[in-house]
Amino acid sequence: GGYLSKAAAAGVPTVIAPLQGDQREAAARWREAGAGRVVRASQLTPRRLRWAVVRHLADHRAREAAAQLAGEAQQLGADLAASIVEQVGAGATPIASGPAHHLTRSIAPSCASHA
């Protein structure tokens, strides 16, 4: 989970090879946001990984999605952004998007204190 928070804050498109449990869910949500490309660990080879990284970094839509996540992370602040990423990785779905004062209404109370 920590590397996805860091990738979001940096605006870096990410290639993910999830191995188990919540990693699969976080990878799927990252892919849905457009900032991640998922490679099945069972099919991972150095050649496939290299191809996925090169192709994903060259994808302007992935770069735009990652930049958008970085902008949102900056606007929300590191603590709240990290908390939201962790919640999304655990399967929670924020209802609203936008500034922190909007998000605090749609996420768990433990995160609202960071706003």
PDB file of N, CA and C in Angstrom:
ATOM      1  N   GLY A   1       0.778  -1.195   0.000  1.00  0.00           N
ATOM      2  CA  GLY A   1       0.000   0.000   0.000  1.00  0.00           C
ATOM      3  C   GLY A   1       0.820   1.260   0.000  1.00  0.00           C
ATOM      4  N   GLY A   2       1.961   1.308   0.699  1.00  0.00           N
ATOM      5  CA  GLY A   2       2.737   2.522   0.804  1.00  0.00           C
ATOM      6  C   GLY A   2       3.272   3.010  -0.525  1.00  0.00           C
ATOM      7  N   TYR A   3       3.643   2.076  -1.384  1.00  0.00           N
ATOM      8  CA  TYR A   3       4.187   2.503  -2.677  1.00  0.00           C
ATOM      9  C   TYR A   3       3.120   3.144  -3.546  1.00  0.00           C
ATOM     10  N   LEU A   4       1.872   2.748  -3.412  1.00  0.00           N
ATOM     11  CA  LEU A   4       0.814   3.388  -4.194  1.00  0.00           C
ATOM     12  C   LEU A   4       0.562   4.810  -3.702  1.00  0.00           C
ATOM     13  N   SER A   5       0.633   5.026  -2.404  1.00  0.00           N
ATOM     14  CA  SER A   5       0.496   6.381  -1.867  1.00  0.00           C
ATOM     15  C   SER A   5       1.605   7.269  -2.389  1.00  0.00           C
ATOM     16  N   LYS A   6       2.819   6.740  -2.416  1.00  0.00           N
ATOM     17  CA  LYS A   6       3.956   7.507  -2.909  1.00  0.00           C
ATOM     18  C   LYS A   6       3.830   7.772  -4.410  1.00  0.00           C
ATOM     19  N   ALA A   7       3.362   6.789  -5.155  1.00  0.00           N
ATOM     20  CA  ALA A   7       3.167   6.975  -6.594  1.00  0.00           C
ATOM     21  C   ALA A   7       2.090   8.024  -6.851  1.00  0.00           C
ATOM     22  N   ALA A   8       1.031   8.004  -6.062  1.00  0.00           N
ATOM     23  CA  ALA A   8      -0.038   8.997  -6.220  1.00  0.00           C
ATOM     24  C   ALA A   8       0.486  10.396  -5.940  1.00  0.00           C
ATOM     25  N   ALA A   9       1.237  10.545  -4.864  1.00  0.00           N
ATOM     26  CA  ALA A   9       1.764  11.861  -4.507  1.00  0.00           C
ATOM     27  C   ALA A   9       2.745  12.377  -5.555  1.00  0.00           C
ATOM     28  N   ALA A  10       3.490  11.455  -6.178  1.00  0.00           N
ATOM     29  CA  ALA A  10       4.488  11.856  -7.176  1.00  0.00           C
ATOM     30  C   ALA A  10       3.914  11.975  -8.577  1.00  0.00           C
ATOM     31  N   GLY A  11       2.704  11.483  -8.790  1.00  0.00           N
ATOM     32  CA  GLY A  11       2.097  11.545 -10.120  1.00  0.00           C
ATOM     33  C   GLY A  11       2.729  10.584 -11.100  1.00  0.00           C
ATOM     34  N   VAL A  12       3.110   9.404 -10.618  1.00  0.00           N
ATOM     35  CA  VAL A  12       3.807   8.424 -11.442  1.00  0.00           C
ATOM     36  C   VAL A  12       2.858   7.287 -11.842  1.00  0.00           C
ATOM     37  N   PRO A  13       2.685   7.042 -13.137  1.00  0.00           N
ATOM     38  CA  PRO A  13       1.930   5.852 -13.548  1.00  0.00           C
ATOM     39  C   PRO A  13       2.655   4.612 -13.022  1.00  0.00           C
ATOM     40  N   THR A  14       1.897   3.607 -12.608  1.00  0.00           N
ATOM     41  CA  THR A  14       2.487   2.478 -11.907  1.00  0.00           C
ATOM     42  C   THR A  14       2.090   1.152 -12.543  1.00  0.00           C
ATOM     43  N   VAL A  15       3.064   0.260 -12.661  1.00  0.00           N
ATOM     44  CA  VAL A  15       2.803  -1.122 -13.076  1.00  0.00           C
ATOM     45  C   VAL A  15       2.801  -1.958 -11.811  1.00  0.00           C
ATOM     46  N   ILE A  16       1.736  -2.731 -11.640  1.00  0.00           N
ATOM     47  CA  ILE A  16       1.541  -3.475 -10.404  1.00  0.00           C
ATOM     48  C   ILE A  16       1.402  -4.960 -10.718  1.00  0.00           C
ATOM     49  N   ALA A  17       2.106  -5.797  -9.941  1.00  0.00           N
ATOM     50  CA  ALA A  17       1.993  -7.248 -10.044  1.00  0.00           C
ATOM     51  C   ALA A  17       1.535  -7.753  -8.677  1.00  0.00           C
ATOM     52  N   PRO A  18       0.231  -7.691  -8.419  1.00  0.00           N
ATOM     53  CA  PRO A  18      -0.263  -8.076  -7.087  1.00  0.00           C
ATOM     54  C   PRO A  18      -0.093  -9.572  -6.843  1.00  0.00           C
ATOM     55  N   LEU A  19       0.220  -9.901  -5.591  1.00  0.00           N
ATOM     56  CA  LEU A  19       0.441 -11.297  -5.234  1.00  0.00           C
ATOM     57  C   LEU A  19      -0.708 -11.892  -4.444  1.00  0.00           C
ATOM     58  N   GLN A  20      -1.366 -11.091  -3.611  1.00  0.00           N
ATOM     59  CA  GLN A  20      -2.388 -11.661  -2.747  1.00  0.00           C
ATOM     60  C   GLN A  20      -3.384 -10.619  -2.265  1.00  0.00           C
ATOM     61  N   GLY A  21      -4.495 -11.085  -1.748  1.00  0.00           N
ATOM     62  CA  GLY A  21      -5.498 -10.322  -1.035  1.00  0.00           C
ATOM     63  C   GLY A  21      -5.709  -8.888  -1.453  1.00  0.00           C
ATOM     64  N   ASP A  22      -5.427  -7.980  -0.517  1.00  0.00           N
ATOM     65  CA  ASP A  22      -5.710  -6.571  -0.741  1.00  0.00           C
ATOM     66  C   ASP A  22      -4.849  -5.963  -1.841  1.00  0.00           C
ATOM     67  N   GLN A  23      -3.742  -6.591  -2.181  1.00  0.00           N
ATOM     68  CA  GLN A  23      -2.922  -6.095  -3.286  1.00  0.00           C
ATOM     69  C   GLN A  23      -3.694  -6.171  -4.598  1.00  0.00           C
ATOM     70  N   ARG A  24      -4.456  -7.230  -4.775  1.00  0.00           N
ATOM     71  CA  ARG A  24      -5.266  -7.375  -5.996  1.00  0.00           C
ATOM     72  C   ARG A  24      -6.336  -6.292  -6.068  1.00  0.00           C
ATOM     73  N   GLU A  25      -6.979  -6.040  -4.944  1.00  0.00           N
ATOM     74  CA  GLU A  25      -8.030  -5.021  -4.906  1.00  0.00           C
ATOM     75  C   GLU A  25      -7.440  -3.634  -5.156  1.00  0.00           C
ATOM     76  N   ALA A  26      -6.332  -3.328  -4.511  1.00  0.00           N
ATOM     77  CA  ALA A  26      -5.693  -2.023  -4.711  1.00  0.00           C
ATOM     78  C   ALA A  26      -5.248  -1.865  -6.165  1.00  0.00           C
ATOM     79  N   ALA A  27      -4.702  -2.925  -6.744  1.00  0.00           N
ATOM     80  CA  ALA A  27      -4.260  -2.874  -8.146  1.00  0.00           C
ATOM     81  C   ALA A  27      -5.450  -2.630  -9.075  1.00  0.00           C
ATOM     82  N   ALA A  28      -6.557  -3.293  -8.803  1.00  0.00           N
ATOM     83  CA  ALA A  28      -7.749  -3.116  -9.642  1.00  0.00           C
ATOM     84  C   ALA A  28      -8.260  -1.680  -9.556  1.00  0.00           C
ATOM     85  N   ARG A  29      -8.269  -1.119  -8.397  1.00  0.00           N
ATOM     86  CA  ARG A  29      -8.746   0.258  -8.233  1.00  0.00           C
ATOM     87  C   ARG A  29      -7.782   1.250  -8.866  1.00  0.00           C
ATOM     88  N   TRP A  30      -6.488   0.976  -8.789  1.00  0.00           N
ATOM     89  CA  TRP A  30      -5.487   1.834  -9.424  1.00  0.00           C
ATOM     90  C   TRP A  30      -5.678   1.804 -10.941  1.00  0.00           C
ATOM     91  N   ARG A  31      -5.937   0.596 -11.459  1.00  0.00           N
ATOM     92  CA  ARG A  31      -6.198   0.449 -12.894  1.00  0.00           C
ATOM     93  C   ARG A  31      -7.467   1.204 -13.281  1.00  0.00           C
ATOM     94  N   GLU A  32      -8.524   1.096 -12.472  1.00  0.00           N
ATOM     95  CA  GLU A  32      -9.772   1.802 -12.750  1.00  0.00           C
ATOM     96  C   GLU A  32      -9.567   3.315 -12.797  1.00  0.00           C
ATOM     97  N   ALA A  33      -8.652   3.814 -11.981  1.00  0.00           N
ATOM     98  CA  ALA A  33      -8.362   5.250 -11.980  1.00  0.00           C
ATOM     99  C   ALA A  33      -7.564   5.663 -13.210  1.00  0.00           C
ATOM    100  N   GLY A  34      -7.034   4.679 -13.932  1.00  0.00           N
ATOM    101  CA  GLY A  34      -6.273   4.958 -15.140  1.00  0.00           C
ATOM    102  C   GLY A  34      -4.792   5.160 -14.910  1.00  0.00           C
ATOM    103  N   ALA A  35      -4.363   5.097 -13.659  1.00  0.00           N
ATOM    104  CA  ALA A  35      -2.959   5.358 -13.333  1.00  0.00           C
ATOM    105  C   ALA A  35      -2.137   4.087 -13.204  1.00  0.00           C
ATOM    106  N   GLY A  36      -2.788   2.935 -13.267  1.00  0.00           N
ATOM    107  CA  GLY A  36      -2.061   1.684 -13.070  1.00  0.00           C
ATOM    108  C   GLY A  36      -2.306   0.674 -14.168  1.00  0.00           C
ATOM    109  N   ARG A  37      -1.291  -0.111 -14.417  1.00  0.00           N
ATOM    110  CA  ARG A  37      -1.391  -1.252 -15.329  1.00  0.00           C
ATOM    111  C   ARG A  37      -1.094  -2.482 -14.487  1.00  0.00           C
ATOM    112  N   VAL A  38      -1.953  -3.475 -14.566  1.00  0.00           N
ATOM    113  CA  VAL A  38      -1.800  -4.678 -13.763  1.00  0.00           C
ATOM    114  C   VAL A  38      -1.231  -5.805 -14.616  1.00  0.00           C
ATOM    115  N   VAL A  39      -0.206  -6.458 -14.084  1.00  0.00           N
ATOM    116  CA  VAL A  39       0.403  -7.616 -14.727  1.00  0.00           C
ATOM    117  C   VAL A  39       0.221  -8.783 -13.764  1.00  0.00           C
ATOM    118  N   ARG A  40      -0.347  -9.850 -14.230  1.00  0.00           N
ATOM    119  CA  ARG A  40      -0.541 -11.011 -13.355  1.00  0.00           C
ATOM    120  C   ARG A  40       0.806 -11.583 -12.943  1.00  0.00           C
ATOM    121  N   ALA A  41       0.964 -11.749 -11.645  1.00  0.00           N
ATOM    122  CA  ALA A  41       2.231 -12.262 -11.125  1.00  0.00           C
ATOM    123  C   ALA A  41       2.544 -13.646 -11.690  1.00  0.00           C
ATOM    124  N   SER A  42       1.510 -14.440 -11.932  1.00  0.00           N
ATOM    125  CA  SER A  42       1.721 -15.793 -12.464  1.00  0.00           C
ATOM    126  C   SER A  42       2.245 -15.773 -13.897  1.00  0.00           C
ATOM    127  N   GLN A  43       2.082 -14.654 -14.590  1.00  0.00           N
ATOM    128  CA  GLN A  43       2.539 -14.542 -15.978  1.00  0.00           C
ATOM    129  C   GLN A  43       3.722 -13.576 -16.117  1.00  0.00           C
ATOM    130  N   LEU A  44       4.273 -13.177 -14.990  1.00  0.00           N
ATOM    131  CA  LEU A  44       5.327 -12.176 -15.004  1.00  0.00           C
ATOM    132  C   LEU A  44       6.671 -12.766 -15.427  1.00  0.00           C
ATOM    133  N   THR A  45       7.254 -12.132 -16.410  1.00  0.00           N
ATOM    134  CA  THR A  45       8.618 -12.441 -16.838  1.00  0.00           C
ATOM    135  C   THR A  45       9.337 -11.095 -16.950  1.00  0.00           C
ATOM    136  N   PRO A  46      10.662 -11.089 -16.956  1.00  0.00           N
ATOM    137  CA  PRO A  46      11.362  -9.809 -17.130  1.00  0.00           C
ATOM    138  C   PRO A  46      10.935  -9.089 -18.407  1.00  0.00           C
ATOM    139  N   ARG A  47      10.738  -9.831 -19.476  1.00  0.00           N
ATOM    140  CA  ARG A  47      10.345  -9.217 -20.747  1.00  0.00           C
ATOM    141  C   ARG A  47       8.953  -8.582 -20.658  1.00  0.00           C
ATOM    142  N   ARG A  48       7.997  -9.286 -20.056  1.00  0.00           N
ATOM    143  CA  ARG A  48       6.641  -8.743 -19.916  1.00  0.00           C
ATOM    144  C   ARG A  48       6.626  -7.527 -18.996  1.00  0.00           C
ATOM    145  N   LEU A  49       7.406  -7.575 -17.932  1.00  0.00           N
ATOM    146  CA  LEU A  49       7.462  -6.446 -17.027  1.00  0.00           C
ATOM    147  C   LEU A  49       8.046  -5.232 -17.732  1.00  0.00           C
ATOM    148  N   ARG A  50       9.128  -5.430 -18.460  1.00  0.00           N
ATOM    149  CA  ARG A  50       9.746  -4.323 -19.189  1.00  0.00           C
ATOM    150  C   ARG A  50       8.759  -3.733 -20.196  1.00  0.00           C
ATOM    151  N   TRP A  51       8.066  -4.592 -20.939  1.00  0.00           N
ATOM    152  CA  TRP A  51       7.089  -4.137 -21.928  1.00  0.00           C
ATOM    153  C   TRP A  51       5.989  -3.324 -21.247  1.00  0.00           C
ATOM    154  N   ALA A  52       5.479  -3.816 -20.106  1.00  0.00           N
ATOM    155  CA  ALA A  52       4.397  -3.128 -19.400  1.00  0.00           C
ATOM    156  C   ALA A  52       4.859  -1.763 -18.896  1.00  0.00           C
ATOM    157  N   VAL A  53       6.054  -1.687 -18.347  1.00  0.00           N
ATOM    158  CA  VAL A  53       6.557  -0.419 -17.823  1.00  0.00           C
ATOM    159  C   VAL A  53       6.766   0.582 -18.958  1.00  0.00           C
ATOM    160  N   VAL A  54       7.442   0.164 -20.009  1.00  0.00           N
ATOM    161  CA  VAL A  54       7.713   1.073 -21.132  1.00  0.00           C
ATOM    162  C   VAL A  54       6.404   1.563 -21.745  1.00  0.00           C
ATOM    163  N   ARG A  55       5.500   0.650 -21.979  1.00  0.00           N
ATOM    164  CA  ARG A  55       4.232   1.030 -22.602  1.00  0.00           C
ATOM    165  C   ARG A  55       3.393   1.932 -21.695  1.00  0.00           C
ATOM    166  N   HIS A  56       3.349   1.603 -20.405  1.00  0.00           N
ATOM    167  CA  HIS A  56       2.534   2.381 -19.479  1.00  0.00           C
ATOM    168  C   HIS A  56       3.090   3.786 -19.290  1.00  0.00           C
ATOM    169  N   LEU A  57       4.403   3.911 -19.187  1.00  0.00           N
ATOM    170  CA  LEU A  57       4.997   5.234 -19.022  1.00  0.00           C
ATOM    171  C   LEU A  57       4.822   6.090 -20.271  1.00  0.00           C
ATOM    172  N   ALA A  58       4.691   5.457 -21.422  1.00  0.00           N
ATOM    173  CA  ALA A  58       4.495   6.191 -22.675  1.00  0.00           C
ATOM    174  C   ALA A  58       3.026   6.564 -22.907  1.00  0.00           C
ATOM    175  N   ASP A  59       2.118   6.005 -22.136  1.00  0.00           N
ATOM    176  CA  ASP A  59       0.681   6.235 -22.306  1.00  0.00           C
ATOM    177  C   ASP A  59       0.294   7.593 -21.708  1.00  0.00           C
ATOM    178  N   HIS A  60      -0.060   8.544 -22.569  1.00  0.00           N
ATOM    179  CA  HIS A  60      -0.396   9.879 -22.076  1.00  0.00           C
ATOM    180  C   HIS A  60      -1.612   9.878 -21.151  1.00  0.00           C
ATOM    181  N   ARG A  61      -2.548   8.967 -21.360  1.00  0.00           N
ATOM    182  CA  ARG A  61      -3.723   8.904 -20.477  1.00  0.00           C
ATOM    183  C   ARG A  61      -3.320   8.460 -19.076  1.00  0.00           C
ATOM    184  N   ALA A  62      -2.384   7.530 -18.989  1.00  0.00           N
ATOM    185  CA  ALA A  62      -1.906   7.078 -17.681  1.00  0.00           C
ATOM    186  C   ALA A  62      -1.158   8.204 -16.968  1.00  0.00           C
ATOM    187  N   ARG A  63      -0.362   8.944 -17.719  1.00  0.00           N
ATOM    188  CA  ARG A  63       0.363  10.072 -17.124  1.00  0.00           C
ATOM    189  C   ARG A  63      -0.608  11.143 -16.640  1.00  0.00           C
ATOM    190  N   GLU A  64      -1.665  11.398 -17.434  1.00  0.00           N
ATOM    191  CA  GLU A  64      -2.669  12.382 -17.027  1.00  0.00           C
ATOM    192  C   GLU A  64      -3.422  11.925 -15.777  1.00  0.00           C
ATOM    193  N   ALA A  65      -3.786  10.656 -15.733  1.00  0.00           N
ATOM    194  CA  ALA A  65      -4.493  10.121 -14.562  1.00  0.00           C
ATOM    195  C   ALA A  65      -3.606  10.190 -13.323  1.00  0.00           C
ATOM    196  N   ALA A  66      -2.332   9.849 -13.486  1.00  0.00           N
ATOM    197  CA  ALA A  66      -1.401   9.912 -12.359  1.00  0.00           C
ATOM    198  C   ALA A  66      -1.201  11.355 -11.903  1.00  0.00           C
ATOM    199  N   ALA A  67      -1.129  12.278 -12.846  1.00  0.00           N
ATOM    200  CA  ALA A  67      -0.988  13.697 -12.501  1.00  0.00           C
ATOM    201  C   ALA A  67      -2.221  14.190 -11.757  1.00  0.00           C
ATOM    202  N   GLN A  68      -3.385  13.726 -12.176  1.00  0.00           N
ATOM    203  CA  GLN A  68      -4.618  14.114 -11.486  1.00  0.00           C
ATOM    204  C   GLN A  68      -4.606  13.600 -10.052  1.00  0.00           C
ATOM    205  N   LEU A  69      -4.172  12.357  -9.863  1.00  0.00           N
ATOM    206  CA  LEU A  69      -4.082  11.806  -8.508  1.00  0.00           C
ATOM    207  C   LEU A  69      -3.100  12.615  -7.666  1.00  0.00           C
ATOM    208  N   ALA A  70      -1.982  13.032  -8.268  1.00  0.00           N
ATOM    209  CA  ALA A  70      -0.999  13.836  -7.537  1.00  0.00           C
ATOM    210  C   ALA A  70      -1.596  15.171  -7.125  1.00  0.00           C
ATOM    211  N   GLY A  71      -2.355  15.795  -8.034  1.00  0.00           N
ATOM    212  CA  GLY A  71      -3.005  17.057  -7.705  1.00  0.00           C
ATOM    213  C   GLY A  71      -3.994  16.901  -6.570  1.00  0.00           C
ATOM    214  N   GLU A  72      -4.755  15.820  -6.618  1.00  0.00           N
ATOM    215  CA  GLU A  72      -5.714  15.570  -5.538  1.00  0.00           C
ATOM    216  C   GLU A  72      -4.991  15.297  -4.232  1.00  0.00           C
ATOM    217  N   ALA A  73      -3.897  14.534  -4.291  1.00  0.00           N
ATOM    218  CA  ALA A  73      -3.127  14.241  -3.079  1.00  0.00           C
ATOM    219  C   ALA A  73      -2.580  15.530  -2.473  1.00  0.00           C
ATOM    220  N   GLN A  74      -2.088  16.427  -3.313  1.00  0.00           N
ATOM    221  CA  GLN A  74      -1.550  17.688  -2.827  1.00  0.00           C
ATOM    222  C   GLN A  74      -2.655  18.547  -2.220  1.00  0.00           C
ATOM    223  N   GLN A  75      -3.797  18.572  -2.867  1.00  0.00           N
ATOM    224  CA  GLN A  75      -4.914  19.370  -2.384  1.00  0.00           C
ATOM    225  C   GLN A  75      -5.445  18.836  -1.055  1.00  0.00           C
ATOM    226  N   LEU A  76      -5.468  17.535  -0.918  1.00  0.00           N
ATOM    227  CA  LEU A  76      -6.026  16.918   0.282  1.00  0.00           C
ATOM    228  C   LEU A  76      -5.052  16.909   1.448  1.00  0.00           C
ATOM    229  N   GLY A  77      -3.783  16.893   1.140  1.00  0.00           N
ATOM    230  CA  GLY A  77      -2.771  16.751   2.188  1.00  0.00           C
ATOM    231  C   GLY A  77      -2.352  15.302   2.288  1.00  0.00           C
ATOM    232  N   ALA A  78      -1.150  15.100   2.724  1.00  0.00           N
ATOM    233  CA  ALA A  78      -0.567  13.760   2.731  1.00  0.00           C
ATOM    234  C   ALA A  78      -1.315  12.790   3.628  1.00  0.00           C
ATOM    235  N   ASP A  79      -1.683  13.213   4.841  1.00  0.00           N
ATOM    236  CA  ASP A  79      -2.341  12.291   5.769  1.00  0.00           C
ATOM    237  C   ASP A  79      -3.698  11.821   5.255  1.00  0.00           C
ATOM    238  N   LEU A  80      -4.515  12.763   4.809  1.00  0.00           N
ATOM    239  CA  LEU A  80      -5.840  12.393   4.321  1.00  0.00           C
ATOM    240  C   LEU A  80      -5.730  11.586   3.023  1.00  0.00           C
ATOM    241  N   ALA A  81      -4.838  11.998   2.125  1.00  0.00           N
ATOM    242  CA  ALA A  81      -4.667  11.273   0.869  1.00  0.00           C
ATOM    243  C   ALA A  81      -4.208   9.843   1.126  1.00  0.00           C
ATOM    244  N   ALA A  82      -3.248   9.656   2.018  1.00  0.00           N
ATOM    245  CA  ALA A  82      -2.770   8.311   2.333  1.00  0.00           C
ATOM    246  C   ALA A  82      -3.887   7.477   2.948  1.00  0.00           C
ATOM    247  N   SER A  83      -4.675   8.089   3.801  1.00  0.00           N
ATOM    248  CA  SER A  83      -5.783   7.377   4.427  1.00  0.00           C
ATOM    249  C   SER A  83      -6.817   6.948   3.390  1.00  0.00           C
ATOM    250  N   ILE A  84      -7.125   7.829   2.441  1.00  0.00           N
ATOM    251  CA  ILE A  84      -8.091   7.489   1.393  1.00  0.00           C
ATOM    252  C   ILE A  84      -7.554   6.363   0.525  1.00  0.00           C
ATOM    253  N   VAL A  85      -6.272   6.435   0.151  1.00  0.00           N
ATOM    254  CA  VAL A  85      -5.675   5.369  -0.662  1.00  0.00           C
ATOM    255  C   VAL A  85      -5.757   4.047   0.089  1.00  0.00           C
ATOM    256  N   GLU A  86      -5.453   4.064   1.385  1.00  0.00           N
ATOM    257  CA  GLU A  86      -5.529   2.838   2.173  1.00  0.00           C
ATOM    258  C   GLU A  86      -6.960   2.303   2.209  1.00  0.00           C
ATOM    259  N   GLN A  87      -7.945   3.188   2.375  1.00  0.00           N
ATOM    260  CA  GLN A  87      -9.340   2.757   2.413  1.00  0.00           C
ATOM    261  C   GLN A  87      -9.775   2.185   1.071  1.00  0.00           C
ATOM    262  N   VAL A  88      -9.395   2.857   0.000  1.00  0.00           N
ATOM    263  CA  VAL A  88      -9.751   2.371  -1.332  1.00  0.00           C
ATOM    264  C   VAL A  88      -9.097   1.022  -1.565  1.00  0.00           C
ATOM    265  N   GLY A  89      -7.855   0.883  -1.148  1.00  0.00           N
ATOM    266  CA  GLY A  89      -7.167  -0.397  -1.268  1.00  0.00           C
ATOM    267  C   GLY A  89      -7.843  -1.500  -0.477  1.00  0.00           C
ATOM    268  N   ALA A  90      -8.523  -1.121   0.597  1.00  0.00           N
ATOM    269  CA  ALA A  90      -9.240  -2.092   1.422  1.00  0.00           C
ATOM    270  C   ALA A  90     -10.662  -2.332   0.923  1.00  0.00           C
ATOM    271  N   GLY A  91     -11.051  -1.638  -0.160  1.00  0.00           N
ATOM    272  CA  GLY A  91     -12.362  -1.883  -0.747  1.00  0.00           C
ATOM    273  C   GLY A  91     -13.388  -0.795  -0.537  1.00  0.00           C
ATOM    274  N   ALA A  92     -13.074   0.247   0.232  1.00  0.00           N
ATOM    275  CA  ALA A  92     -14.020   1.342   0.435  1.00  0.00           C
ATOM    276  C   ALA A  92     -14.080   2.195  -0.830  1.00  0.00           C
ATOM    277  N   THR A  93     -15.210   2.808  -1.067  1.00  0.00           N
ATOM    278  CA  THR A  93     -15.370   3.666  -2.239  1.00  0.00           C
ATOM    279  C   THR A  93     -15.836   5.040  -1.793  1.00  0.00           C
ATOM    280  N   PRO A  94     -14.963   6.061  -1.878  1.00  0.00           N
ATOM    281  CA  PRO A  94     -15.420   7.414  -1.553  1.00  0.00           C
ATOM    282  C   PRO A  94     -16.561   7.810  -2.482  1.00  0.00           C
ATOM    283  N   ILE A  95     -17.572   8.453  -1.937  1.00  0.00           N
ATOM    284  CA  ILE A  95     -18.748   8.835  -2.710  1.00  0.00           C
ATOM    285  C   ILE A  95     -18.505  10.112  -3.488  1.00  0.00           C
ATOM    286  N   ALA A  96     -17.793  11.050  -2.897  1.00  0.00           N
ATOM    287  CA  ALA A  96     -17.567  12.351  -3.521  1.00  0.00           C
ATOM    288  C   ALA A  96     -16.118  12.483  -3.947  1.00  0.00           C
ATOM    289  N   SER A  97     -15.859  13.462  -4.788  1.00  0.00           N
ATOM    290  CA  SER A  97     -14.477  13.786  -5.125  1.00  0.00           C
ATOM    291  C   SER A  97     -14.313  15.284  -4.984  1.00  0.00           C
ATOM    292  N   GLY A  98     -13.101  15.725  -4.874  1.00  0.00           N
ATOM    293  CA  GLY A  98     -12.853  17.144  -4.754  1.00  0.00           C
ATOM    294  C   GLY A  98     -12.107  17.475  -3.498  1.00  0.00           C
ATOM    295  N   PRO A  99     -12.228  18.716  -3.057  1.00  0.00           N
ATOM    296  CA  PRO A  99     -11.485  19.166  -1.882  1.00  0.00           C
ATOM    297  C   PRO A  99     -11.820  18.344  -0.646  1.00  0.00           C
ATOM    298  N   ALA A 100     -10.934  18.368   0.308  1.00  0.00           N
ATOM    299  CA  ALA A 100     -11.063  17.565   1.523  1.00  0.00           C
ATOM    300  C   ALA A 100     -12.395  17.791   2.225  1.00  0.00           C
ATOM    301  N   HIS A 101     -12.912  19.009   2.229  1.00  0.00           N
ATOM    302  CA  HIS A 101     -14.163  19.254   2.948  1.00  0.00           C
ATOM    303  C   HIS A 101     -15.331  18.496   2.306  1.00  0.00           C
ATOM    304  N   HIS A 102     -15.221  18.125   1.044  1.00  0.00           N
ATOM    305  CA  HIS A 102     -16.251  17.289   0.412  1.00  0.00           C
ATOM    306  C   HIS A 102     -16.031  15.829   0.742  1.00  0.00           C
ATOM    307  N   LEU A 103     -14.794  15.388   0.715  1.00  0.00           N
ATOM    308  CA  LEU A 103     -14.498  13.986   0.950  1.00  0.00           C
ATOM    309  C   LEU A 103     -14.774  13.558   2.374  1.00  0.00           C
ATOM    310  N   THR A 104     -14.618  14.444   3.338  1.00  0.00           N
ATOM    311  CA  THR A 104     -14.795  14.042   4.728  1.00  0.00           C
ATOM    312  C   THR A 104     -16.214  13.574   5.006  1.00  0.00           C
ATOM    313  N   ARG A 105     -17.157  13.951   4.175  1.00  0.00           N
ATOM    314  CA  ARG A 105     -18.535  13.496   4.373  1.00  0.00           C
ATOM    315  C   ARG A 105     -18.742  12.077   3.877  1.00  0.00           C
ATOM    316  N   SER A 106     -17.824  11.562   3.068  1.00  0.00           N
ATOM    317  CA  SER A 106     -18.078  10.272   2.441  1.00  0.00           C
ATOM    318  C   SER A 106     -17.068   9.187   2.813  1.00  0.00           C
ATOM    319  N   ILE A 107     -16.192   9.481   3.790  1.00  0.00           N
ATOM    320  CA  ILE A 107     -15.224   8.480   4.192  1.00  0.00           C
ATOM    321  C   ILE A 107     -15.356   8.197   5.682  1.00  0.00           C
ATOM    322  N   ALA A 108     -14.641   7.222   6.148  1.00  0.00           N
ATOM    323  CA  ALA A 108     -14.735   6.813   7.543  1.00  0.00           C
ATOM    324  C   ALA A 108     -14.376   7.964   8.485  1.00  0.00           C
ATOM    325  N   PRO A 109     -15.033   8.034   9.633  1.00  0.00           N
ATOM    326  CA  PRO A 109     -14.776   9.118  10.594  1.00  0.00           C
ATOM    327  C   PRO A 109     -13.307   9.227  11.001  1.00  0.00           C
ATOM    328  N   SER A 110     -12.562   8.130  11.038  1.00  0.00           N
ATOM    329  CA  SER A 110     -11.159   8.192  11.458  1.00  0.00           C
ATOM    330  C   SER A 110     -10.343   9.041  10.505  1.00  0.00           C
ATOM    331  N   CYS A 111     -10.779   9.163   9.249  1.00  0.00           N
ATOM    332  CA  CYS A 111     -10.055   9.957   8.274  1.00  0.00           C
ATOM    333  C   CYS A 111     -10.522  11.396   8.272  1.00  0.00           C
ATOM    334  N   ALA A 112     -11.742  11.628   8.704  1.00  0.00           N
ATOM    335  CA  ALA A 112     -12.286  12.974   8.663  1.00  0.00           C
ATOM    336  C   ALA A 112     -11.507  13.920   9.572  1.00  0.00           C
ATOM    337  N   SER A 113     -10.885  13.393  10.604  1.00  0.00           N
ATOM    338  CA  SER A 113     -10.132  14.248  11.516  1.00  0.00           C
ATOM    339  C   SER A 113      -8.892  14.833  10.865  1.00  0.00           C
ATOM    340  N   HIS A 114      -8.441  14.274   9.736  1.00  0.00           N
ATOM    341  CA  HIS A 114      -7.261  14.778   9.043  1.00  0.00           C
ATOM    342  C   HIS A 114      -7.573  15.993   8.189  1.00  0.00           C
ATOM    343  N   ALA A 115      -8.839  16.253   7.938  1.00  0.00           N
ATOM    344  CA  ALA A 115      -9.220  17.352   7.034  1.00  0.00           C
ATOM    345  C   ALA A 115      -9.044  18.695   7.679  1.00  0.00           C
TER     346      ALA A 115
END
